Amino acid sequence: RPVFVEGRLSGFANIRAHQSDIGGGAAGSYNP
């Protein structure tokens, strides 16, 4: 998410998260 202060881009708030399933060949998305 871009962060704006006084109308100018000032930074980014971010989160990285391991999803339970994103398709692919095995449920849970770990496909050996």
mmCIF file of all heavy atoms, coordinates in Angstrom:
data_MODEL
# 
_entry.id   MODEL 
# 
loop_
_atom_site.group_PDB 
_atom_site.id 
_atom_site.type_symbol 
_atom_site.label_atom_id 
_atom_site.label_alt_id 
_atom_site.label_comp_id 
_atom_site.label_asym_id 
_atom_site.label_entity_id 
_atom_site.label_seq_id 
_atom_site.pdbx_PDB_ins_code 
_atom_site.Cartn_x 
_atom_site.Cartn_y 
_atom_site.Cartn_z 
_atom_site.occupancy 
_atom_site.B_iso_or_equiv 
_atom_site.pdbx_formal_charge 
_atom_site.auth_seq_id 
_atom_site.auth_comp_id 
_atom_site.auth_asym_id 
_atom_site.auth_atom_id 
_atom_site.pdbx_PDB_model_num 
ATOM 1   N N   . ARG A 1 1  ? 0.851  -1.191  0.000  1.00 0.00 ? 1  ARG A N   1 
ATOM 2   C CA  . ARG A 1 1  ? 0.000  0.000   0.000  1.00 0.00 ? 1  ARG A CA  1 
ATOM 3   C C   . ARG A 1 1  ? 0.888  1.243   0.000  1.00 0.00 ? 1  ARG A C   1 
ATOM 4   O O   . ARG A 1 1  ? 1.638  1.482   0.959  1.00 0.00 ? 1  ARG A O   1 
ATOM 5   C CB  . ARG A 1 1  ? -0.908 0.026   1.224  1.00 0.00 ? 1  ARG A CB  1 
ATOM 6   C CG  . ARG A 1 1  ? -1.857 1.227   1.268  1.00 0.00 ? 1  ARG A CG  1 
ATOM 7   C CD  . ARG A 1 1  ? -2.623 1.263   2.576  1.00 0.00 ? 1  ARG A CD  1 
ATOM 8   N NE  . ARG A 1 1  ? -3.576 0.190   2.699  1.00 0.00 ? 1  ARG A NE  1 
ATOM 9   C CZ  . ARG A 1 1  ? -4.871 0.271   2.341  1.00 0.00 ? 1  ARG A CZ  1 
ATOM 10  N NH1 . ARG A 1 1  ? -5.337 1.410   1.829  1.00 0.00 ? 1  ARG A NH1 1 
ATOM 11  N NH2 . ARG A 1 1  ? -5.680 -0.760  2.509  1.00 0.00 ? 1  ARG A NH2 1 
ATOM 12  N N   . PRO A 1 2  ? 0.824  2.073   -1.055 1.00 0.00 ? 2  PRO A N   1 
ATOM 13  C CA  . PRO A 1 2  ? 1.567  3.333   -1.041 1.00 0.00 ? 2  PRO A CA  1 
ATOM 14  C C   . PRO A 1 2  ? 1.033  4.258   0.054  1.00 0.00 ? 2  PRO A C   1 
ATOM 15  O O   . PRO A 1 2  ? -0.166 4.276   0.351  1.00 0.00 ? 2  PRO A O   1 
ATOM 16  C CB  . PRO A 1 2  ? 1.308  3.923   -2.429 1.00 0.00 ? 2  PRO A CB  1 
ATOM 17  C CG  . PRO A 1 2  ? 0.772  2.795   -3.252 1.00 0.00 ? 2  PRO A CG  1 
ATOM 18  C CD  . PRO A 1 2  ? 0.082  1.869   -2.304 1.00 0.00 ? 2  PRO A CD  1 
ATOM 19  N N   . VAL A 1 3  ? 1.948  5.013   0.652  1.00 0.00 ? 3  VAL A N   1 
ATOM 20  C CA  . VAL A 1 3  ? 1.588  5.966   1.707  1.00 0.00 ? 3  VAL A CA  1 
ATOM 21  C C   . VAL A 1 3  ? 1.806  7.375   1.170  1.00 0.00 ? 3  VAL A C   1 
ATOM 22  O O   . VAL A 1 3  ? 2.911  7.699   0.691  1.00 0.00 ? 3  VAL A O   1 
ATOM 23  C CB  . VAL A 1 3  ? 2.439  5.747   2.968  1.00 0.00 ? 3  VAL A CB  1 
ATOM 24  C CG1 . VAL A 1 3  ? 2.057  6.749   4.051  1.00 0.00 ? 3  VAL A CG1 1 
ATOM 25  C CG2 . VAL A 1 3  ? 2.291  4.316   3.472  1.00 0.00 ? 3  VAL A CG2 1 
ATOM 26  N N   . PHE A 1 4  ? 0.773  8.189   1.241  1.00 0.00 ? 4  PHE A N   1 
ATOM 27  C CA  . PHE A 1 4  ? 0.867  9.567   0.762  1.00 0.00 ? 4  PHE A CA  1 
ATOM 28  C C   . PHE A 1 4  ? 0.780  10.530  1.945  1.00 0.00 ? 4  PHE A C   1 
ATOM 29  O O   . PHE A 1 4  ? -0.040 10.360  2.849  1.00 0.00 ? 4  PHE A O   1 
ATOM 30  C CB  . PHE A 1 4  ? -0.259 9.864   -0.235 1.00 0.00 ? 4  PHE A CB  1 
ATOM 31  C CG  . PHE A 1 4  ? -0.004 9.302   -1.612 1.00 0.00 ? 4  PHE A CG  1 
ATOM 32  C CD1 . PHE A 1 4  ? -0.248 7.962   -1.883 1.00 0.00 ? 4  PHE A CD1 1 
ATOM 33  C CD2 . PHE A 1 4  ? 0.513  10.108  -2.617 1.00 0.00 ? 4  PHE A CD2 1 
ATOM 34  C CE1 . PHE A 1 4  ? -0.003 7.438   -3.132 1.00 0.00 ? 4  PHE A CE1 1 
ATOM 35  C CE2 . PHE A 1 4  ? 0.768  9.591   -3.879 1.00 0.00 ? 4  PHE A CE2 1 
ATOM 36  C CZ  . PHE A 1 4  ? 0.505  8.253   -4.139 1.00 0.00 ? 4  PHE A CZ  1 
ATOM 37  N N   . VAL A 1 5  ? 1.644  11.524  1.907  1.00 0.00 ? 5  VAL A N   1 
ATOM 38  C CA  . VAL A 1 5  ? 1.653  12.582  2.910  1.00 0.00 ? 5  VAL A CA  1 
ATOM 39  C C   . VAL A 1 5  ? 1.718  13.911  2.173  1.00 0.00 ? 5  VAL A C   1 
ATOM 40  O O   . VAL A 1 5  ? 2.609  14.120  1.337  1.00 0.00 ? 5  VAL A O   1 
ATOM 41  C CB  . VAL A 1 5  ? 2.849  12.440  3.869  1.00 0.00 ? 5  VAL A CB  1 
ATOM 42  C CG1 . VAL A 1 5  ? 2.868  13.598  4.867  1.00 0.00 ? 5  VAL A CG1 1 
ATOM 43  C CG2 . VAL A 1 5  ? 2.803  11.104  4.595  1.00 0.00 ? 5  VAL A CG2 1 
ATOM 44  N N   . GLU A 1 6  ? 0.757  14.751  2.440  1.00 0.00 ? 6  GLU A N   1 
ATOM 45  C CA  . GLU A 1 6  ? 0.662  16.062  1.771  1.00 0.00 ? 6  GLU A CA  1 
ATOM 46  C C   . GLU A 1 6  ? 0.691  15.900  0.262  1.00 0.00 ? 6  GLU A C   1 
ATOM 47  O O   . GLU A 1 6  ? 1.303  16.680  -0.473 1.00 0.00 ? 6  GLU A O   1 
ATOM 48  C CB  . GLU A 1 6  ? 1.790  16.988  2.238  1.00 0.00 ? 6  GLU A CB  1 
ATOM 49  C CG  . GLU A 1 6  ? 1.726  17.301  3.734  1.00 0.00 ? 6  GLU A CG  1 
ATOM 50  C CD  . GLU A 1 6  ? 2.843  18.227  4.178  1.00 0.00 ? 6  GLU A CD  1 
ATOM 51  O OE1 . GLU A 1 6  ? 3.661  18.648  3.311  1.00 0.00 ? 6  GLU A OE1 1 
ATOM 52  O OE2 . GLU A 1 6  ? 2.909  18.541  5.381  1.00 0.00 ? 6  GLU A OE2 1 
ATOM 53  N N   . GLY A 1 7  ? 0.023  14.850  -0.218 1.00 0.00 ? 7  GLY A N   1 
ATOM 54  C CA  . GLY A 1 7  ? -0.120 14.636  -1.653 1.00 0.00 ? 7  GLY A CA  1 
ATOM 55  C C   . GLY A 1 7  ? 1.080  14.009  -2.342 1.00 0.00 ? 7  GLY A C   1 
ATOM 56  O O   . GLY A 1 7  ? 1.051  13.827  -3.563 1.00 0.00 ? 7  GLY A O   1 
ATOM 57  N N   . ARG A 1 8  ? 2.106  13.634  -1.578 1.00 0.00 ? 8  ARG A N   1 
ATOM 58  C CA  . ARG A 1 8  ? 3.308  13.062  -2.180 1.00 0.00 ? 8  ARG A CA  1 
ATOM 59  C C   . ARG A 1 8  ? 3.548  11.643  -1.653 1.00 0.00 ? 8  ARG A C   1 
ATOM 60  O O   . ARG A 1 8  ? 3.307  11.348  -0.484 1.00 0.00 ? 8  ARG A O   1 
ATOM 61  C CB  . ARG A 1 8  ? 4.528  13.931  -1.862 1.00 0.00 ? 8  ARG A CB  1 
ATOM 62  C CG  . ARG A 1 8  ? 4.431  15.346  -2.411 1.00 0.00 ? 8  ARG A CG  1 
ATOM 63  C CD  . ARG A 1 8  ? 5.734  16.083  -2.226 1.00 0.00 ? 8  ARG A CD  1 
ATOM 64  N NE  . ARG A 1 8  ? 6.815  15.457  -2.996 1.00 0.00 ? 8  ARG A NE  1 
ATOM 65  C CZ  . ARG A 1 8  ? 8.057  15.951  -3.072 1.00 0.00 ? 8  ARG A CZ  1 
ATOM 66  N NH1 . ARG A 1 8  ? 8.372  17.061  -2.410 1.00 0.00 ? 8  ARG A NH1 1 
ATOM 67  N NH2 . ARG A 1 8  ? 8.964  15.336  -3.789 1.00 0.00 ? 8  ARG A NH2 1 
ATOM 68  N N   . LEU A 1 9  ? 4.034  10.764  -2.559 1.00 0.00 ? 9  LEU A N   1 
ATOM 69  C CA  . LEU A 1 9  ? 4.378  9.415   -2.154 1.00 0.00 ? 9  LEU A CA  1 
ATOM 70  C C   . LEU A 1 9  ? 5.504  9.473   -1.133 1.00 0.00 ? 9  LEU A C   1 
ATOM 71  O O   . LEU A 1 9  ? 6.560  10.055  -1.382 1.00 0.00 ? 9  LEU A O   1 
ATOM 72  C CB  . LEU A 1 9  ? 4.824  8.595   -3.380 1.00 0.00 ? 9  LEU A CB  1 
ATOM 73  C CG  . LEU A 1 9  ? 5.268  7.155   -3.100 1.00 0.00 ? 9  LEU A CG  1 
ATOM 74  C CD1 . LEU A 1 9  ? 4.097  6.316   -2.598 1.00 0.00 ? 9  LEU A CD1 1 
ATOM 75  C CD2 . LEU A 1 9  ? 5.864  6.523   -4.370 1.00 0.00 ? 9  LEU A CD2 1 
ATOM 76  N N   . SER A 1 10 ? 5.292  8.826   0.021  1.00 0.00 ? 10 SER A N   1 
ATOM 77  C CA  . SER A 1 10 ? 6.270  8.917   1.106  1.00 0.00 ? 10 SER A CA  1 
ATOM 78  C C   . SER A 1 10 ? 6.767  7.560   1.593  1.00 0.00 ? 10 SER A C   1 
ATOM 79  O O   . SER A 1 10 ? 7.709  7.496   2.384  1.00 0.00 ? 10 SER A O   1 
ATOM 80  C CB  . SER A 1 10 ? 5.671  9.687   2.284  1.00 0.00 ? 10 SER A CB  1 
ATOM 81  O OG  . SER A 1 10 ? 5.331  11.007  1.885  1.00 0.00 ? 10 SER A OG  1 
ATOM 82  N N   . GLY A 1 11 ? 6.148  6.472   1.143  1.00 0.00 ? 11 GLY A N   1 
ATOM 83  C CA  . GLY A 1 11 ? 6.596  5.154   1.579  1.00 0.00 ? 11 GLY A CA  1 
ATOM 84  C C   . GLY A 1 11 ? 5.584  4.095   1.201  1.00 0.00 ? 11 GLY A C   1 
ATOM 85  O O   . GLY A 1 11 ? 4.606  4.353   0.476  1.00 0.00 ? 11 GLY A O   1 
ATOM 86  N N   . PHE A 1 12 ? 5.819  2.876   1.721  1.00 0.00 ? 12 PHE A N   1 
ATOM 87  C CA  . PHE A 1 12 ? 4.947  1.742   1.437  1.00 0.00 ? 12 PHE A CA  1 
ATOM 88  C C   . PHE A 1 12 ? 4.793  0.908   2.711  1.00 0.00 ? 12 PHE A C   1 
ATOM 89  O O   . PHE A 1 12 ? 5.773  0.632   3.407  1.00 0.00 ? 12 PHE A O   1 
ATOM 90  C CB  . PHE A 1 12 ? 5.533  0.844   0.345  1.00 0.00 ? 12 PHE A CB  1 
ATOM 91  C CG  . PHE A 1 12 ? 5.617  1.483   -1.011 1.00 0.00 ? 12 PHE A CG  1 
ATOM 92  C CD1 . PHE A 1 12 ? 6.712  2.263   -1.359 1.00 0.00 ? 12 PHE A CD1 1 
ATOM 93  C CD2 . PHE A 1 12 ? 4.610  1.301   -1.959 1.00 0.00 ? 12 PHE A CD2 1 
ATOM 94  C CE1 . PHE A 1 12 ? 6.810  2.850   -2.607 1.00 0.00 ? 12 PHE A CE1 1 
ATOM 95  C CE2 . PHE A 1 12 ? 4.693  1.884   -3.208 1.00 0.00 ? 12 PHE A CE2 1 
ATOM 96  C CZ  . PHE A 1 12 ? 5.791  2.667   -3.542 1.00 0.00 ? 12 PHE A CZ  1 
ATOM 97  N N   . ALA A 1 13 ? 3.547  0.523   3.001  1.00 0.00 ? 13 ALA A N   1 
ATOM 98  C CA  . ALA A 1 13 ? 3.261  -0.449  4.059  1.00 0.00 ? 13 ALA A CA  1 
ATOM 99  C C   . ALA A 1 13 ? 2.970  -1.783  3.382  1.00 0.00 ? 13 ALA A C   1 
ATOM 100 O O   . ALA A 1 13 ? 2.114  -1.863  2.491  1.00 0.00 ? 13 ALA A O   1 
ATOM 101 C CB  . ALA A 1 13 ? 2.074  0.006   4.889  1.00 0.00 ? 13 ALA A CB  1 
ATOM 102 N N   . ASN A 1 14 ? 3.664  -2.843  3.826  1.00 0.00 ? 14 ASN A N   1 
ATOM 103 C CA  . ASN A 1 14 ? 3.626  -4.111  3.094  1.00 0.00 ? 14 ASN A CA  1 
ATOM 104 C C   . ASN A 1 14 ? 3.457  -5.292  4.031  1.00 0.00 ? 14 ASN A C   1 
ATOM 105 O O   . ASN A 1 14 ? 3.928  -5.271  5.180  1.00 0.00 ? 14 ASN A O   1 
ATOM 106 C CB  . ASN A 1 14 ? 4.940  -4.310  2.320  1.00 0.00 ? 14 ASN A CB  1 
ATOM 107 C CG  . ASN A 1 14 ? 5.402  -3.060  1.616  1.00 0.00 ? 14 ASN A CG  1 
ATOM 108 O OD1 . ASN A 1 14 ? 4.932  -2.740  0.542  1.00 0.00 ? 14 ASN A OD1 1 
ATOM 109 N ND2 . ASN A 1 14 ? 6.323  -2.325  2.240  1.00 0.00 ? 14 ASN A ND2 1 
ATOM 110 N N   . ILE A 1 15 ? 2.836  -6.330  3.505  1.00 0.00 ? 15 ILE A N   1 
ATOM 111 C CA  . ILE A 1 15 ? 2.731  -7.587  4.230  1.00 0.00 ? 15 ILE A CA  1 
ATOM 112 C C   . ILE A 1 15 ? 2.902  -8.730  3.236  1.00 0.00 ? 15 ILE A C   1 
ATOM 113 O O   . ILE A 1 15 ? 2.362  -8.688  2.121  1.00 0.00 ? 15 ILE A O   1 
ATOM 114 C CB  . ILE A 1 15 ? 1.388  -7.694  4.985  1.00 0.00 ? 15 ILE A CB  1 
ATOM 115 C CG1 . ILE A 1 15 ? 1.313  -8.993  5.787  1.00 0.00 ? 15 ILE A CG1 1 
ATOM 116 C CG2 . ILE A 1 15 ? 0.210  -7.575  4.053  1.00 0.00 ? 15 ILE A CG2 1 
ATOM 117 C CD1 . ILE A 1 15 ? 0.150  -9.031  6.766  1.00 0.00 ? 15 ILE A CD1 1 
ATOM 118 N N   . ARG A 1 16 ? 3.710  -9.703  3.619  1.00 0.00 ? 16 ARG A N   1 
ATOM 119 C CA  . ARG A 1 16 ? 3.924  -10.905 2.799  1.00 0.00 ? 16 ARG A CA  1 
ATOM 120 C C   . ARG A 1 16 ? 3.386  -12.084 3.596  1.00 0.00 ? 16 ARG A C   1 
ATOM 121 O O   . ARG A 1 16 ? 3.787  -12.295 4.745  1.00 0.00 ? 16 ARG A O   1 
ATOM 122 C CB  . ARG A 1 16 ? 5.403  -11.091 2.492  1.00 0.00 ? 16 ARG A CB  1 
ATOM 123 C CG  . ARG A 1 16 ? 5.760  -12.415 1.838  1.00 0.00 ? 16 ARG A CG  1 
ATOM 124 C CD  . ARG A 1 16 ? 7.227  -12.417 1.403  1.00 0.00 ? 16 ARG A CD  1 
ATOM 125 N NE  . ARG A 1 16 ? 7.349  -11.955 0.030  1.00 0.00 ? 16 ARG A NE  1 
ATOM 126 C CZ  . ARG A 1 16 ? 8.412  -11.322 -0.466 1.00 0.00 ? 16 ARG A CZ  1 
ATOM 127 N NH1 . ARG A 1 16 ? 9.440  -11.038 0.329  1.00 0.00 ? 16 ARG A NH1 1 
ATOM 128 N NH2 . ARG A 1 16 ? 8.447  -10.953 -1.721 1.00 0.00 ? 16 ARG A NH2 1 
ATOM 129 N N   . ALA A 1 17 ? 2.481  -12.864 2.997  1.00 0.00 ? 17 ALA A N   1 
ATOM 130 C CA  . ALA A 1 17 ? 1.801  -13.915 3.752  1.00 0.00 ? 17 ALA A CA  1 
ATOM 131 C C   . ALA A 1 17 ? 1.633  -15.154 2.883  1.00 0.00 ? 17 ALA A C   1 
ATOM 132 O O   . ALA A 1 17 ? 1.282  -15.065 1.706  1.00 0.00 ? 17 ALA A O   1 
ATOM 133 C CB  . ALA A 1 17 ? 0.432  -13.420 4.226  1.00 0.00 ? 17 ALA A CB  1 
ATOM 134 N N   . HIS A 1 18 ? 1.867  -16.316 3.508  1.00 0.00 ? 18 HIS A N   1 
ATOM 135 C CA  . HIS A 1 18 ? 1.818  -17.599 2.817  1.00 0.00 ? 18 HIS A CA  1 
ATOM 136 C C   . HIS A 1 18 ? 0.373  -18.087 2.765  1.00 0.00 ? 18 HIS A C   1 
ATOM 137 O O   . HIS A 1 18 ? -0.190 -18.495 3.790  1.00 0.00 ? 18 HIS A O   1 
ATOM 138 C CB  . HIS A 1 18 ? 2.706  -18.607 3.549  1.00 0.00 ? 18 HIS A CB  1 
ATOM 139 C CG  . HIS A 1 18 ? 2.824  -19.931 2.847  1.00 0.00 ? 18 HIS A CG  1 
ATOM 140 N ND1 . HIS A 1 18 ? 3.996  -20.364 2.286  1.00 0.00 ? 18 HIS A ND1 1 
ATOM 141 C CD2 . HIS A 1 18 ? 1.918  -20.896 2.605  1.00 0.00 ? 18 HIS A CD2 1 
ATOM 142 C CE1 . HIS A 1 18 ? 3.808  -21.552 1.736  1.00 0.00 ? 18 HIS A CE1 1 
ATOM 143 N NE2 . HIS A 1 18 ? 2.543  -21.894 1.918  1.00 0.00 ? 18 HIS A NE2 1 
ATOM 144 N N   . GLN A 1 19 ? -0.213 -18.084 1.564  1.00 0.00 ? 19 GLN A N   1 
ATOM 145 C CA  . GLN A 1 19 ? -1.622 -18.435 1.426  1.00 0.00 ? 19 GLN A CA  1 
ATOM 146 C C   . GLN A 1 19 ? -1.834 -19.940 1.571  1.00 0.00 ? 19 GLN A C   1 
ATOM 147 O O   . GLN A 1 19 ? -0.977 -20.752 1.217  1.00 0.00 ? 19 GLN A O   1 
ATOM 148 C CB  . GLN A 1 19 ? -2.150 -17.960 0.074  1.00 0.00 ? 19 GLN A CB  1 
ATOM 149 C CG  . GLN A 1 19 ? -1.914 -16.491 -0.196 1.00 0.00 ? 19 GLN A CG  1 
ATOM 150 C CD  . GLN A 1 19 ? -2.445 -15.589 0.904  1.00 0.00 ? 19 GLN A CD  1 
ATOM 151 O OE1 . GLN A 1 19 ? -3.556 -15.780 1.393  1.00 0.00 ? 19 GLN A OE1 1 
ATOM 152 N NE2 . GLN A 1 19 ? -1.650 -14.586 1.293  1.00 0.00 ? 19 GLN A NE2 1 
ATOM 153 N N   . SER A 1 20 ? -3.007 -20.306 2.081  1.00 0.00 ? 20 SER A N   1 
ATOM 154 C CA  . SER A 1 20 ? -3.312 -21.721 2.329  1.00 0.00 ? 20 SER A CA  1 
ATOM 155 C C   . SER A 1 20 ? -3.320 -22.533 1.048  1.00 0.00 ? 20 SER A C   1 
ATOM 156 O O   . SER A 1 20 ? -2.900 -23.694 1.035  1.00 0.00 ? 20 SER A O   1 
ATOM 157 C CB  . SER A 1 20 ? -4.665 -21.845 3.033  1.00 0.00 ? 20 SER A CB  1 
ATOM 158 O OG  . SER A 1 20 ? -4.596 -21.321 4.335  1.00 0.00 ? 20 SER A OG  1 
ATOM 159 N N   . ASP A 1 21 ? -3.778 -21.948 -0.044 1.00 0.00 ? 21 ASP A N   1 
ATOM 160 C CA  . ASP A 1 21 ? -3.776 -22.660 -1.327 1.00 0.00 ? 21 ASP A CA  1 
ATOM 161 C C   . ASP A 1 21 ? -3.878 -21.646 -2.457 1.00 0.00 ? 21 ASP A C   1 
ATOM 162 O O   . ASP A 1 21 ? -4.686 -20.719 -2.394 1.00 0.00 ? 21 ASP A O   1 
ATOM 163 C CB  . ASP A 1 21 ? -4.951 -23.636 -1.407 1.00 0.00 ? 21 ASP A CB  1 
ATOM 164 C CG  . ASP A 1 21 ? -4.922 -24.457 -2.690 1.00 0.00 ? 21 ASP A CG  1 
ATOM 165 O OD1 . ASP A 1 21 ? -4.218 -25.492 -2.712 1.00 0.00 ? 21 ASP A OD1 1 
ATOM 166 O OD2 . ASP A 1 21 ? -5.568 -24.050 -3.677 1.00 0.00 ? 21 ASP A OD2 1 
ATOM 167 N N   . ILE A 1 22 ? -3.051 -21.834 -3.494 1.00 0.00 ? 22 ILE A N   1 
ATOM 168 C CA  . ILE A 1 22 ? -3.077 -20.935 -4.659 1.00 0.00 ? 22 ILE A CA  1 
ATOM 169 C C   . ILE A 1 22 ? -3.169 -21.733 -5.960 1.00 0.00 ? 22 ILE A C   1 
ATOM 170 O O   . ILE A 1 22 ? -2.651 -21.341 -6.993 1.00 0.00 ? 22 ILE A O   1 
ATOM 171 C CB  . ILE A 1 22 ? -1.831 -20.032 -4.689 1.00 0.00 ? 22 ILE A CB  1 
ATOM 172 C CG1 . ILE A 1 22 ? -0.548 -20.863 -4.767 1.00 0.00 ? 22 ILE A CG1 1 
ATOM 173 C CG2 . ILE A 1 22 ? -1.808 -19.099 -3.489 1.00 0.00 ? 22 ILE A CG2 1 
ATOM 174 C CD1 . ILE A 1 22 ? 0.665  -20.063 -5.216 1.00 0.00 ? 22 ILE A CD1 1 
ATOM 175 N N   . GLY A 1 23 ? -3.877 -22.890 -5.893 1.00 0.00 ? 23 GLY A N   1 
ATOM 176 C CA  . GLY A 1 23 ? -3.974 -23.729 -7.076 1.00 0.00 ? 23 GLY A CA  1 
ATOM 177 C C   . GLY A 1 23 ? -2.740 -24.603 -7.226 1.00 0.00 ? 23 GLY A C   1 
ATOM 178 O O   . GLY A 1 23 ? -2.084 -24.959 -6.250 1.00 0.00 ? 23 GLY A O   1 
ATOM 179 N N   . GLY A 1 24 ? -2.395 -24.942 -8.463 1.00 0.00 ? 24 GLY A N   1 
ATOM 180 C CA  . GLY A 1 24 ? -1.255 -25.812 -8.692 1.00 0.00 ? 24 GLY A CA  1 
ATOM 181 C C   . GLY A 1 24 ? -1.620 -27.274 -8.526 1.00 0.00 ? 24 GLY A C   1 
ATOM 182 O O   . GLY A 1 24 ? -2.783 -27.640 -8.347 1.00 0.00 ? 24 GLY A O   1 
ATOM 183 N N   . GLY A 1 25 ? -0.604 -28.128 -8.552 1.00 0.00 ? 25 GLY A N   1 
ATOM 184 C CA  . GLY A 1 25 ? -0.829 -29.561 -8.630 1.00 0.00 ? 25 GLY A CA  1 
ATOM 185 C C   . GLY A 1 25 ? -1.099 -30.247 -7.317 1.00 0.00 ? 25 GLY A C   1 
ATOM 186 O O   . GLY A 1 25 ? -1.348 -31.461 -7.313 1.00 0.00 ? 25 GLY A O   1 
ATOM 187 N N   . ALA A 1 26 ? -1.041 -29.546 -6.196 1.00 0.00 ? 26 ALA A N   1 
ATOM 188 C CA  . ALA A 1 26 ? -1.285 -30.166 -4.898 1.00 0.00 ? 26 ALA A CA  1 
ATOM 189 C C   . ALA A 1 26 ? -1.962 -29.160 -3.987 1.00 0.00 ? 26 ALA A C   1 
ATOM 190 O O   . ALA A 1 26 ? -1.562 -27.996 -3.926 1.00 0.00 ? 26 ALA A O   1 
ATOM 191 C CB  . ALA A 1 26 ? 0.022  -30.646 -4.269 1.00 0.00 ? 26 ALA A CB  1 
ATOM 192 N N   . ALA A 1 27 ? -2.975 -29.600 -3.269 1.00 0.00 ? 27 ALA A N   1 
ATOM 193 C CA  . ALA A 1 27 ? -3.631 -28.725 -2.305 1.00 0.00 ? 27 ALA A CA  1 
ATOM 194 C C   . ALA A 1 27 ? -2.620 -28.301 -1.248 1.00 0.00 ? 27 ALA A C   1 
ATOM 195 O O   . ALA A 1 27 ? -1.797 -29.092 -0.793 1.00 0.00 ? 27 ALA A O   1 
ATOM 196 C CB  . ALA A 1 27 ? -4.802 -29.442 -1.653 1.00 0.00 ? 27 ALA A CB  1 
ATOM 197 N N   . GLY A 1 28 ? -2.687 -27.032 -0.868 1.00 0.00 ? 28 GLY A N   1 
ATOM 198 C CA  . GLY A 1 28 ? -1.695 -26.478 0.040  1.00 0.00 ? 28 GLY A CA  1 
ATOM 199 C C   . GLY A 1 28 ? -0.533 -25.837 -0.672 1.00 0.00 ? 28 GLY A C   1 
ATOM 200 O O   . GLY A 1 28 ? 0.311  -25.194 -0.050 1.00 0.00 ? 28 GLY A O   1 
ATOM 201 N N   . SER A 1 29 ? -0.465 -26.037 -1.999 1.00 0.00 ? 29 SER A N   1 
ATOM 202 C CA  . SER A 1 29 ? 0.494  -25.355 -2.877 1.00 0.00 ? 29 SER A CA  1 
ATOM 203 C C   . SER A 1 29 ? 1.948  -25.760 -2.658 1.00 0.00 ? 29 SER A C   1 
ATOM 204 O O   . SER A 1 29 ? 2.849  -25.110 -3.173 1.00 0.00 ? 29 SER A O   1 
ATOM 205 C CB  . SER A 1 29 ? 0.348  -23.830 -2.778 1.00 0.00 ? 29 SER A CB  1 
ATOM 206 O OG  . SER A 1 29 ? -0.968 -23.461 -3.161 1.00 0.00 ? 29 SER A OG  1 
ATOM 207 N N   . TYR A 1 30 ? 2.193  -26.845 -1.913 1.00 0.00 ? 30 TYR A N   1 
ATOM 208 C CA  . TYR A 1 30 ? 3.508  -27.481 -1.922 1.00 0.00 ? 30 TYR A CA  1 
ATOM 209 C C   . TYR A 1 30 ? 3.374  -28.739 -2.771 1.00 0.00 ? 30 TYR A C   1 
ATOM 210 O O   . TYR A 1 30 ? 2.794  -29.730 -2.327 1.00 0.00 ? 30 TYR A O   1 
ATOM 211 C CB  . TYR A 1 30 ? 3.960  -27.840 -0.508 1.00 0.00 ? 30 TYR A CB  1 
ATOM 212 C CG  . TYR A 1 30 ? 4.601  -26.712 0.242  1.00 0.00 ? 30 TYR A CG  1 
ATOM 213 C CD1 . TYR A 1 30 ? 3.877  -25.975 1.166  1.00 0.00 ? 30 TYR A CD1 1 
ATOM 214 C CD2 . TYR A 1 30 ? 5.932  -26.367 0.028  1.00 0.00 ? 30 TYR A CD2 1 
ATOM 215 C CE1 . TYR A 1 30 ? 4.456  -24.927 1.863  1.00 0.00 ? 30 TYR A CE1 1 
ATOM 216 C CE2 . TYR A 1 30 ? 6.525  -25.323 0.715  1.00 0.00 ? 30 TYR A CE2 1 
ATOM 217 C CZ  . TYR A 1 30 ? 5.784  -24.611 1.631  1.00 0.00 ? 30 TYR A CZ  1 
ATOM 218 O OH  . TYR A 1 30 ? 6.367  -23.568 2.308  1.00 0.00 ? 30 TYR A OH  1 
ATOM 219 N N   . ASN A 1 31 ? 3.888  -28.684 -3.970 1.00 0.00 ? 31 ASN A N   1 
ATOM 220 C CA  . ASN A 1 31 ? 3.747  -29.787 -4.910 1.00 0.00 ? 31 ASN A CA  1 
ATOM 221 C C   . ASN A 1 31 ? 5.102  -30.444 -5.133 1.00 0.00 ? 31 ASN A C   1 
ATOM 222 O O   . ASN A 1 31 ? 5.889  -30.001 -5.977 1.00 0.00 ? 31 ASN A O   1 
ATOM 223 C CB  . ASN A 1 31 ? 3.183  -29.281 -6.236 1.00 0.00 ? 31 ASN A CB  1 
ATOM 224 C CG  . ASN A 1 31 ? 2.995  -30.390 -7.254 1.00 0.00 ? 31 ASN A CG  1 
ATOM 225 O OD1 . ASN A 1 31 ? 3.154  -31.567 -6.935 1.00 0.00 ? 31 ASN A OD1 1 
ATOM 226 N ND2 . ASN A 1 31 ? 2.671  -30.026 -8.485 1.00 0.00 ? 31 ASN A ND2 1 
ATOM 227 N N   . PRO A 1 32 ? 5.413  -31.523 -4.393 1.00 0.00 ? 32 PRO A N   1 
ATOM 228 C CA  . PRO A 1 32 ? 6.720  -32.158 -4.540 1.00 0.00 ? 32 PRO A CA  1 
ATOM 229 C C   . PRO A 1 32 ? 6.962  -32.769 -5.908 1.00 0.00 ? 32 PRO A C   1 
ATOM 230 O O   . PRO A 1 32 ? 8.097  -33.138 -6.231 1.00 0.00 ? 32 PRO A O   1 
ATOM 231 C CB  . PRO A 1 32 ? 6.704  -33.247 -3.455 1.00 0.00 ? 32 PRO A CB  1 
ATOM 232 C CG  . PRO A 1 32 ? 5.630  -32.858 -2.513 1.00 0.00 ? 32 PRO A CG  1 
ATOM 233 C CD  . PRO A 1 32 ? 4.613  -32.151 -3.336 1.00 0.00 ? 32 PRO A CD  1 
# 
